[in-house]
Protein backbone atom coordinates (compact mmCIF):
# COMPACT_ATOMS: atom_id res chain seq x y z
CA MET A 1 12.07 -81.39 17.34
CA GLU A 2 13.60 -79.63 14.34
CA VAL A 3 13.93 -75.85 14.17
CA CYS A 4 14.92 -74.08 10.95
CA ILE A 5 16.74 -70.81 11.64
CA ILE A 6 16.63 -68.37 8.73
CA SER A 7 19.49 -65.86 8.69
CA GLU A 8 20.44 -63.11 6.25
CA GLY A 9 24.06 -62.02 5.67
CA SER A 10 25.09 -63.71 8.87
CA TYR A 11 25.53 -67.22 10.34
CA PRO A 12 27.57 -69.25 9.61
CA TYR A 13 29.58 -67.08 7.20
CA ILE A 14 29.71 -63.53 8.60
CA PRO A 15 30.76 -63.07 12.24
CA GLY A 16 28.97 -60.51 14.35
CA GLY A 17 26.44 -60.10 17.12
CA VAL A 18 23.56 -61.87 15.36
CA ALA A 19 25.75 -64.76 14.16
CA SER A 20 27.21 -65.22 17.66
CA TRP A 21 23.69 -65.22 19.07
CA ILE A 22 22.60 -67.97 16.63
CA HIS A 23 25.72 -69.97 17.44
CA GLN A 24 24.99 -69.65 21.15
CA LEU A 25 21.40 -70.84 20.63
CA VAL A 26 22.26 -73.91 18.54
CA THR A 27 25.23 -74.83 20.74
CA GLU A 28 23.37 -74.61 24.03
CA MET A 29 20.10 -76.31 22.93
CA LYS A 30 21.64 -79.72 22.28
CA GLU A 31 18.33 -81.57 22.56
CA ILE A 32 16.96 -79.79 19.48
CA ASN A 33 18.06 -80.44 15.88
CA PHE A 34 18.59 -77.25 13.92
CA LYS A 35 18.61 -76.53 10.21
CA ILE A 36 20.13 -73.28 8.95
CA LEU A 37 18.75 -71.50 5.90
CA SER A 38 21.34 -68.81 5.20
CA ILE A 39 20.60 -65.99 2.74
CA MET A 40 23.71 -64.38 1.26
CA PRO A 41 23.99 -61.56 -1.31
CA SER A 42 25.80 -63.52 -4.03
CA GLU A 43 27.73 -66.69 -4.69
CA ASP A 44 31.27 -66.33 -3.44
CA GLU A 45 33.86 -69.09 -3.59
CA THR A 46 35.68 -67.61 -0.61
CA LEU A 47 32.68 -68.11 1.69
CA LYS A 48 33.72 -70.23 4.68
CA TYR A 49 32.06 -71.23 7.90
CA ARG A 50 33.32 -68.87 10.61
CA TYR A 51 32.01 -70.99 13.47
CA ASP A 52 32.54 -74.57 14.65
CA VAL A 53 29.07 -75.78 13.76
CA PRO A 54 27.77 -78.21 16.44
CA GLU A 55 26.51 -81.70 15.57
CA ASN A 56 22.87 -80.86 16.27
CA VAL A 57 22.93 -78.53 13.24
CA ILE A 58 21.89 -81.24 10.79
CA GLU A 59 21.58 -79.14 7.62
CA ILE A 60 22.89 -75.85 6.28
CA LYS A 61 21.36 -74.57 3.06
CA THR A 62 22.61 -71.36 1.45
CA VAL A 63 20.54 -69.32 -1.00
CA TYR A 64 21.72 -66.26 -2.87
CA LEU A 65 19.84 -63.05 -3.58
CA ASN A 66 21.29 -63.06 -7.08
CA GLY A 67 20.43 -66.74 -7.55
CA TYR A 68 18.14 -65.74 -10.44
CA HIS A 69 21.30 -65.49 -12.56
CA ASN A 70 21.10 -69.28 -12.85
CA ILE A 71 17.74 -69.02 -14.62
CA SER A 72 18.02 -68.72 -18.40
CA PRO A 73 17.17 -65.16 -19.55
CA LYS A 74 15.97 -66.68 -22.84
CA LYS A 75 12.85 -68.09 -21.21
CA ARG A 76 9.65 -66.93 -22.86
CA LYS A 77 6.99 -64.97 -21.08
CA ARG A 78 4.29 -66.96 -19.36
CA GLU A 79 1.00 -65.78 -17.90
CA PRO A 80 0.11 -66.75 -14.30
CA HIS A 81 -2.77 -69.27 -14.01
CA ILE A 82 -4.89 -67.36 -11.46
CA ASN A 83 -8.42 -65.98 -11.30
CA LYS A 84 -9.38 -62.28 -11.21
CA ASP A 85 -9.56 -62.07 -7.42
CA LYS A 86 -6.09 -63.52 -6.99
CA LEU A 87 -4.77 -61.31 -9.76
CA LYS A 88 -6.11 -58.32 -7.83
CA GLU A 89 -4.31 -59.44 -4.66
CA LEU A 90 -1.12 -59.97 -6.65
CA GLU A 91 -1.35 -56.43 -8.02
CA GLU A 92 -1.90 -54.99 -4.51
CA PHE A 93 1.17 -56.90 -3.33
CA LEU A 94 3.35 -55.48 -6.09
CA ARG A 95 2.05 -52.02 -5.14
CA PHE A 96 3.16 -52.62 -1.50
CA ASN A 97 -0.38 -52.38 -0.13
CA LYS A 98 -0.05 -53.29 3.56
CA ASP A 99 -3.63 -54.62 3.71
CA VAL A 100 -2.92 -57.29 1.13
CA ASN A 101 -3.77 -60.91 1.90
CA TRP A 102 -0.25 -62.28 2.38
CA GLU A 103 -1.33 -65.91 2.57
CA THR A 104 -3.07 -65.70 -0.81
CA VAL A 105 -0.22 -63.90 -2.56
CA ILE A 106 2.58 -66.01 -1.09
CA GLY A 107 0.55 -69.10 -2.05
CA ILE A 108 0.53 -67.88 -5.66
CA MET A 109 4.10 -66.61 -5.88
CA ALA A 110 5.72 -69.63 -4.23
CA ASN A 111 4.04 -71.94 -6.76
CA ARG A 112 6.05 -72.01 -10.01
CA LYS A 113 3.36 -74.10 -11.72
CA LYS A 114 0.90 -71.23 -11.33
CA MET A 115 3.24 -68.29 -11.44
CA GLY A 116 6.18 -69.37 -13.57
CA ASP A 117 9.66 -68.57 -12.33
CA CYS A 118 10.77 -65.00 -11.67
CA VAL A 119 12.13 -64.51 -15.22
CA GLU A 120 8.96 -65.87 -16.85
CA PHE A 121 6.70 -63.74 -14.67
CA LEU A 122 8.63 -60.52 -15.21
CA LYS A 123 8.30 -61.07 -18.97
CA SER A 124 4.56 -61.66 -18.73
CA GLN A 125 1.84 -59.32 -19.99
CA THR A 126 0.35 -59.48 -16.48
CA PHE A 127 3.44 -57.97 -14.89
CA TRP A 128 3.76 -55.41 -17.68
CA ASN A 129 0.16 -54.25 -17.16
CA ILE A 130 0.60 -53.95 -13.38
CA LEU A 131 3.81 -52.02 -13.79
CA LEU A 132 2.36 -49.70 -16.43
CA ASN A 133 -0.70 -48.92 -14.27
CA LEU A 134 1.53 -48.13 -11.30
CA TYR A 135 3.78 -45.90 -13.39
CA GLN A 136 0.92 -43.91 -14.91
CA GLU A 137 -0.77 -43.53 -11.56
CA LYS A 138 2.21 -42.48 -9.40
CA TYR A 139 5.42 -42.03 -11.34
CA ARG A 140 4.51 -40.74 -14.83
CA HIS A 141 6.83 -37.74 -14.40
CA GLU A 142 9.82 -40.06 -13.98
CA ASP A 143 11.88 -41.60 -16.76
CA PHE A 144 10.06 -44.88 -17.59
CA ASN A 145 13.19 -46.74 -18.56
CA ARG A 146 14.75 -46.13 -15.14
CA PHE A 147 11.47 -46.91 -13.36
CA PHE A 148 11.14 -50.22 -15.22
CA TRP A 149 14.66 -51.43 -14.43
CA THR A 150 14.42 -50.35 -10.79
CA MET A 151 11.22 -52.32 -10.26
CA ARG A 152 12.59 -55.29 -12.14
CA SER A 153 15.76 -55.35 -10.00
CA MET A 154 13.56 -55.23 -6.91
CA PHE A 155 11.16 -58.04 -7.87
CA LEU A 156 13.64 -60.48 -9.47
CA PRO A 157 15.44 -61.47 -6.22
CA MET A 158 12.26 -61.20 -4.17
CA ILE A 159 10.25 -63.64 -6.32
CA ASN A 160 13.23 -65.96 -6.67
CA ILE A 161 13.70 -66.02 -2.88
CA ILE A 162 9.98 -66.72 -2.35
CA GLN A 163 10.30 -69.72 -4.69
CA THR A 164 13.25 -71.16 -2.74
CA GLU A 165 12.91 -74.79 -1.66
CA ILE A 166 12.85 -74.49 2.13
CA PRO A 167 14.05 -77.33 4.43
CA LYS A 168 11.20 -79.01 6.31
CA ALA A 169 11.09 -78.41 10.07
CA ASP A 170 8.69 -78.24 13.01
CA ILE A 171 9.29 -74.54 13.64
CA TYR A 172 10.70 -71.71 11.50
CA HIS A 173 12.67 -68.95 13.20
CA SER A 174 13.80 -65.88 11.23
CA VAL A 175 16.37 -63.63 12.88
CA SER A 176 15.32 -60.50 11.01
CA THR A 177 12.46 -59.30 8.87
CA GLY A 178 13.60 -58.52 5.27
CA TYR A 179 14.28 -61.49 3.01
CA ALA A 180 14.71 -63.81 6.03
CA GLY A 181 11.32 -62.70 7.35
CA LEU A 182 9.84 -63.20 3.89
CA LEU A 183 11.01 -66.82 3.89
CA GLY A 184 9.52 -67.18 7.36
CA VAL A 185 6.16 -66.14 5.91
CA VAL A 186 6.60 -68.55 2.98
CA SER A 187 7.41 -71.39 5.42
CA LYS A 188 4.29 -70.72 7.43
CA VAL A 189 2.04 -70.56 4.35
CA LYS A 190 3.61 -73.57 2.63
CA TYR A 191 4.11 -75.98 5.55
CA LYS A 192 1.52 -74.63 8.04
CA LYS A 193 4.13 -74.59 10.80
CA PRO A 194 4.76 -72.00 13.55
CA PHE A 195 6.90 -69.01 12.64
CA ILE A 196 8.97 -67.06 15.19
CA LEU A 197 10.60 -63.72 14.38
CA THR A 198 13.48 -62.30 16.44
CA GLU A 199 14.84 -58.87 15.57
CA HIS A 200 18.15 -57.72 17.05
CA GLY A 201 17.83 -54.30 15.40
CA ILE A 202 14.89 -53.06 13.33
CA TYR A 203 15.68 -54.32 9.83
CA ALA A 204 13.54 -51.85 7.87
CA ARG A 205 14.97 -48.86 9.74
CA GLU A 206 18.53 -50.06 9.20
CA ARG A 207 17.89 -50.43 5.45
CA GLU A 208 16.29 -46.97 5.44
CA GLU A 209 19.42 -45.43 6.98
CA GLU A 210 21.64 -47.21 4.44
CA ILE A 211 19.51 -46.18 1.47
CA ILE A 212 19.32 -42.52 2.52
CA LYS A 213 23.14 -42.41 2.67
CA SER A 214 23.69 -44.53 -0.44
CA LYS A 215 24.91 -43.32 -3.83
CA TRP A 216 23.66 -46.32 -5.85
CA VAL A 217 20.07 -45.12 -5.68
CA GLN A 218 18.89 -41.55 -6.21
CA GLY A 219 15.78 -39.36 -6.08
CA ILE A 220 12.33 -40.94 -5.89
CA TYR A 221 13.87 -44.40 -6.08
CA LYS A 222 15.23 -44.07 -2.54
CA SER A 223 11.68 -43.87 -1.17
CA ILE A 224 10.53 -46.77 -3.40
CA TRP A 225 13.27 -49.02 -2.00
CA ILE A 226 12.57 -47.88 1.57
CA ASN A 227 8.84 -48.60 1.11
CA PHE A 228 9.72 -52.03 -0.22
CA PHE A 229 11.69 -52.99 2.91
CA TYR A 230 9.01 -51.65 5.25
CA PHE A 231 6.39 -53.53 3.25
CA ILE A 232 8.06 -56.94 3.45
CA SER A 233 8.75 -56.36 7.15
CA THR A 234 5.03 -55.80 7.69
CA GLY A 235 4.30 -59.21 6.20
CA ALA A 236 6.68 -60.88 8.66
CA TYR A 237 5.16 -59.06 11.64
CA LYS A 238 1.65 -60.11 10.59
CA ALA A 239 2.49 -63.75 9.91
CA ALA A 240 4.71 -64.45 12.92
CA ASP A 241 3.31 -66.35 15.91
CA ARG A 242 5.82 -64.62 18.19
CA VAL A 243 7.63 -61.34 17.53
CA ILE A 244 10.66 -61.04 19.79
CA SER A 245 12.85 -58.01 20.43
CA LEU A 246 15.87 -57.62 22.67
CA PHE A 247 14.66 -54.54 24.51
CA GLU A 248 11.55 -52.47 25.08
CA ARG A 249 12.33 -49.57 22.72
CA ASN A 250 12.50 -51.93 19.73
CA ARG A 251 9.33 -53.71 20.84
CA ASN A 252 7.51 -50.38 20.66
CA ILE A 253 8.82 -49.81 17.13
CA GLN A 254 7.62 -53.27 16.11
CA LEU A 255 4.16 -52.34 17.40
CA GLU A 256 4.25 -49.09 15.39
CA LEU A 257 5.18 -51.07 12.27
CA GLY A 258 2.24 -53.44 12.49
CA SER A 259 3.01 -56.18 14.99
CA GLU A 260 0.14 -57.24 17.26
CA LYS A 261 0.77 -56.56 20.95
CA HIS A 262 -0.16 -60.03 22.23
CA LYS A 263 2.51 -61.61 20.00
CA THR A 264 5.40 -59.42 21.16
CA ILE A 265 7.96 -60.48 23.76
CA VAL A 266 11.22 -58.98 25.00
CA ILE A 267 14.04 -61.49 25.49
CA PRO A 268 17.40 -59.79 26.07
CA ASN A 269 20.77 -61.22 25.09
CA GLY A 270 22.63 -63.34 27.60
CA VAL A 271 26.28 -64.22 28.19
CA ASP A 272 28.14 -67.02 29.92
CA ILE A 273 29.07 -65.44 33.25
CA LYS A 274 31.72 -68.10 34.02
CA ARG A 275 33.44 -67.62 30.66
CA TYR A 276 33.89 -63.90 31.24
CA LYS A 277 35.02 -63.95 34.85
CA VAL A 278 38.53 -62.87 33.90
CA LYS A 279 41.50 -62.04 36.11
CA LYS A 280 42.87 -58.56 35.41
CA GLU A 281 46.41 -58.37 34.00
CA LYS A 282 48.78 -55.68 35.24
CA HIS A 283 50.16 -53.48 32.47
CA GLU A 284 51.92 -50.19 31.83
CA GLY A 285 49.78 -47.18 30.89
CA PHE A 286 46.13 -47.49 29.87
CA ASN A 287 44.51 -49.84 27.36
CA ILE A 288 41.33 -48.86 25.52
CA GLY A 289 39.58 -51.69 23.72
CA ALA A 290 37.00 -51.74 20.93
CA ILE A 291 35.59 -55.14 19.99
CA LEU A 292 34.10 -54.69 16.53
CA ARG A 293 34.15 -55.35 12.82
CA ILE A 294 35.91 -52.51 11.00
CA VAL A 295 32.88 -51.40 8.98
CA PRO A 296 31.15 -48.00 8.57
CA ILE A 297 28.20 -48.81 10.89
CA LYS A 298 30.68 -49.08 13.79
CA ASP A 299 31.96 -45.56 13.00
CA VAL A 300 35.58 -46.53 13.68
CA LYS A 301 36.76 -43.15 12.34
CA THR A 302 35.03 -41.32 15.21
CA LEU A 303 36.70 -43.75 17.60
CA ILE A 304 40.14 -43.05 16.09
CA ARG A 305 39.57 -39.29 16.27
CA ALA A 306 38.43 -39.63 19.90
CA PHE A 307 41.53 -41.64 20.69
CA LYS A 308 43.73 -38.88 19.25
CA ILE A 309 42.27 -36.50 21.86
CA VAL A 310 42.74 -39.09 24.63
CA ASN A 311 46.30 -39.79 23.58
CA LEU A 312 47.23 -36.10 23.67
CA LYS A 313 46.13 -35.94 27.32
CA ILE A 314 47.20 -39.46 28.31
CA PRO A 315 50.28 -40.25 26.17
CA ASN A 316 50.79 -43.72 27.65
CA SER A 317 47.41 -44.89 26.31
CA LYS A 318 46.84 -47.48 23.58
CA LEU A 319 43.80 -48.30 21.46
CA TYR A 320 43.14 -51.93 20.55
CA LEU A 321 40.79 -52.52 17.59
CA ILE A 322 39.81 -56.13 18.22
CA GLY A 323 37.98 -57.94 15.45
CA PRO A 324 37.88 -58.71 11.71
CA TYR A 325 38.74 -56.08 9.10
CA ASP A 326 38.21 -57.96 5.83
CA GLU A 327 34.49 -57.23 5.30
CA ASP A 328 34.91 -53.71 3.84
CA LYS A 329 38.50 -53.26 2.66
CA GLU A 330 37.88 -49.74 1.34
CA TYR A 331 36.69 -48.54 4.76
CA TYR A 332 39.50 -50.43 6.49
CA ASN A 333 42.05 -48.63 4.30
CA GLU A 334 40.39 -45.29 5.09
CA CYS A 335 40.82 -46.08 8.80
CA LEU A 336 44.49 -46.97 8.25
CA ASN A 337 45.03 -43.66 6.45
CA LEU A 338 43.35 -41.76 9.29
CA ILE A 339 45.59 -43.49 11.86
CA LYS A 340 48.61 -42.55 9.77
CA THR A 341 47.45 -38.94 9.26
CA LEU A 342 46.88 -38.50 13.01
CA LYS A 343 50.30 -40.08 13.70
CA LEU A 344 48.84 -42.80 15.88
CA ASN A 345 50.59 -45.78 14.29
CA LYS A 346 52.52 -46.67 17.45
CA ASN A 347 49.49 -46.44 19.70
CA VAL A 348 46.76 -48.19 17.71
CA ILE A 349 46.91 -51.98 17.53
CA ILE A 350 44.66 -53.77 15.04
CA THR A 351 44.41 -57.41 16.10
CA GLY A 352 42.21 -58.90 13.39
CA ARG A 353 40.06 -61.90 14.28
CA VAL A 354 41.22 -63.19 17.70
CA ASP A 355 39.82 -64.78 20.85
CA ILE A 356 38.67 -61.69 22.75
CA LYS A 357 39.18 -63.51 26.03
CA ASN A 358 42.93 -63.07 25.54
CA TYR A 359 42.52 -59.29 25.43
CA LEU A 360 39.77 -58.58 27.96
CA PRO A 361 42.04 -59.02 31.06
CA LYS A 362 44.27 -56.10 30.03
CA MET A 363 41.56 -53.58 29.05
CA ASP A 364 40.83 -50.55 31.26
CA VAL A 365 37.80 -49.40 29.31
CA LEU A 366 35.81 -50.66 26.29
CA VAL A 367 34.48 -48.18 23.72
CA LEU A 368 31.73 -48.51 21.10
CA THR A 369 31.03 -45.60 18.74
CA SER A 370 28.44 -47.34 16.53
CA ILE A 371 25.80 -45.30 14.72
CA SER A 372 23.35 -48.21 14.93
CA GLU A 373 23.12 -51.21 17.26
CA GLY A 374 20.60 -53.60 18.72
CA GLN A 375 21.79 -54.96 22.04
CA PRO A 376 25.54 -55.39 21.60
CA LEU A 377 26.89 -58.66 22.99
CA VAL A 378 30.31 -57.06 23.29
CA ILE A 379 29.00 -54.62 25.90
CA LEU A 380 27.56 -57.49 27.93
CA GLU A 381 30.80 -59.46 27.57
CA GLY A 382 32.79 -56.40 28.67
CA MET A 383 30.50 -55.78 31.65
CA ALA A 384 30.68 -59.45 32.63
CA SER A 385 34.47 -59.07 32.56
CA GLY A 386 34.26 -56.07 34.90
CA ILE A 387 35.33 -53.47 32.32
CA PRO A 388 33.71 -49.99 32.29
CA ILE A 389 31.99 -49.11 29.01
CA VAL A 390 31.77 -45.94 26.90
CA ALA A 391 29.14 -46.35 24.19
CA THR A 392 26.97 -44.22 21.94
CA ASP A 393 23.27 -43.79 22.70
CA VAL A 394 22.02 -46.27 20.10
CA GLY A 395 19.96 -49.44 20.46
CA SER A 396 19.86 -50.55 24.08
CA CYS A 397 23.35 -49.30 25.02
CA ARG A 398 21.92 -46.80 27.53
CA GLU A 399 19.75 -49.49 29.13
CA LEU A 400 22.75 -51.80 29.52
CA ILE A 401 25.06 -49.13 30.94
CA GLU A 402 22.63 -47.16 33.10
CA GLY A 403 19.97 -49.80 33.81
CA THR A 404 16.19 -49.49 33.60
CA LYS A 405 13.93 -47.57 36.01
CA LYS A 406 13.56 -50.71 38.15
CA ASP A 407 17.31 -51.17 38.37
CA ASP A 408 19.15 -49.55 41.32
CA ILE A 409 22.60 -51.00 40.57
CA GLY A 410 24.22 -47.82 39.24
CA LEU A 411 26.31 -46.82 36.23
CA ALA A 412 28.49 -49.34 34.41
CA GLY A 413 30.00 -46.70 32.12
CA ILE A 414 29.15 -43.51 30.24
CA VAL A 415 26.74 -43.00 27.32
CA THR A 416 27.71 -40.49 24.61
CA LYS A 417 26.19 -38.94 21.50
CA PRO A 418 26.90 -40.70 18.18
CA VAL A 419 29.53 -39.17 15.88
CA SER A 420 31.04 -37.11 18.69
CA PRO A 421 34.81 -37.63 19.08
CA ASN A 422 35.05 -34.95 21.78
CA GLU A 423 32.30 -36.44 23.94
CA THR A 424 33.68 -39.96 23.55
CA ALA A 425 37.18 -38.77 24.43
CA ASP A 426 35.96 -36.84 27.50
CA ALA A 427 34.15 -39.94 28.78
CA VAL A 428 37.19 -42.17 28.29
CA ILE A 429 39.50 -39.66 29.98
CA ARG A 430 37.12 -39.28 32.92
CA ILE A 431 37.10 -43.04 33.51
CA LEU A 432 40.84 -43.56 33.01
CA LYS A 433 41.78 -40.75 35.40
CA ASN A 434 39.49 -41.87 38.22
CA GLU A 435 40.39 -45.29 39.61
CA LYS A 436 37.57 -45.27 42.17
CA LEU A 437 35.04 -44.60 39.41
CA ARG A 438 36.52 -47.40 37.28
CA GLN A 439 36.22 -49.89 40.13
CA GLN A 440 32.63 -48.94 40.91
CA MET A 441 31.59 -49.16 37.24
CA SER A 442 33.35 -52.51 37.01
CA LEU A 443 31.34 -53.91 39.95
CA ASN A 444 28.07 -52.43 38.67
CA GLY A 445 28.50 -53.92 35.18
CA ARG A 446 29.22 -57.39 36.47
CA LYS A 447 26.27 -57.22 38.87
CA ARG A 448 23.84 -56.09 36.14
CA VAL A 449 24.81 -58.94 33.81
CA GLU A 450 24.48 -61.49 36.61
CA ARG A 451 21.00 -60.23 37.44
CA TYR A 452 19.47 -59.70 33.99
CA TYR A 453 21.60 -60.93 31.10
CA THR A 454 22.74 -64.50 31.61
CA LYS A 455 22.97 -67.24 29.02
CA GLU A 456 20.75 -69.46 31.18
CA LYS A 457 17.87 -66.95 31.11
CA LEU A 458 18.13 -66.58 27.31
CA ILE A 459 18.16 -70.33 26.58
CA SER A 460 15.35 -71.02 29.04
CA ARG A 461 13.03 -68.44 27.41
CA TYR A 462 13.60 -69.72 23.85
CA SER A 463 13.26 -73.34 24.95
CA GLU A 464 9.86 -72.51 26.49
CA ILE A 465 8.69 -70.85 23.26
CA TYR A 466 9.88 -73.69 21.00
CA TYR A 467 8.14 -76.37 23.08
CA GLU A 468 5.01 -74.29 23.51
CA LEU A 469 4.59 -73.76 19.76
CA ARG A 470 5.66 -77.07 18.27
């Protein structure tokens, strides 16, 4: 059996929770051959595999969102060869009508012989008429020039991605909605094969948060971009044979966004219990660990500010920032400046990319101050290692730390509000100053992972789904 995993901004180039999850899946399911279709923002000569890709990954194809740059801009306009009914569906699609017939439209757009390539289509009279109608109907008070270029920049990569040559496989498995989900829909329409969708977070909501905070898009165009991402997510939910989330709260959101109940399944993350059964190392003072990428979504600045409060009350404490820092150099430099301003240079250690197993034995508490998460593997790894957790109330962090209603194990740490240095610091201080509490949380965390979040459970569930659908 061959499974094509479709990732976006992730495996095998960008480390992180989703990429680690894919690597775990392909490494553990040795009897299945995998193909990876990796979507990246733009061609970059420095792109390197960040994982030791196993032998059963028999193909890796990378496509770029700006791949349309390789199409000559001098191409002449060309009209799509479609009848009036299909033209109507195409127009509804470009208007983000959620009731559109996705199979019909994807069938048209993926076919260059009918549609032309993305440059040809965007120069066509057909596209011009659709755009003009939309403008006059909804946006006539906006500057047309800006409207035109916004819509063009939205549709160029989308159409080009839809026309990507996709590796043939028995099953297609997208690990987000968005462009990866869109290619999942294309795969299903083009090859008539099963399509599985797994979401670690909720893609459309994450893009919405980014766009609201962004400076590159302003005014009415923020809502147009947000509608676009919700729209293409809807297509993935409708087309998928299985829609998988990591925890119940996200499953409910998927249902709100258009997924059908009978397709939805919750399969939580799982870790290798044996790998994380670490022996504690004795050390002076207290060590606080944060396993993360130094990027804004992890809100490392709140963590540093919280540590300043901790360090004032517990001077022999150290903060270890464990993970890569080369993804957003501007944010990394801002964090360095904050550390310097707060005079924490001697107490904050930035490790860069390392084997976290070398650091887990000497950690007294792990902290996560993210403003958005799905189901963080680092929390499960920390709990499996018997380390109490302090984490913000995002994604399924509360469920992991406190358990569900059916779970009588007890607390494995403390949940805090996002963007709250004081609350995070208070939680860390409470754990560090109470050895009995630390030991109990350590036992509870390990027990919860053993009962609900093992690698074996994760692999078994996905194996069942693959063989059931093939």
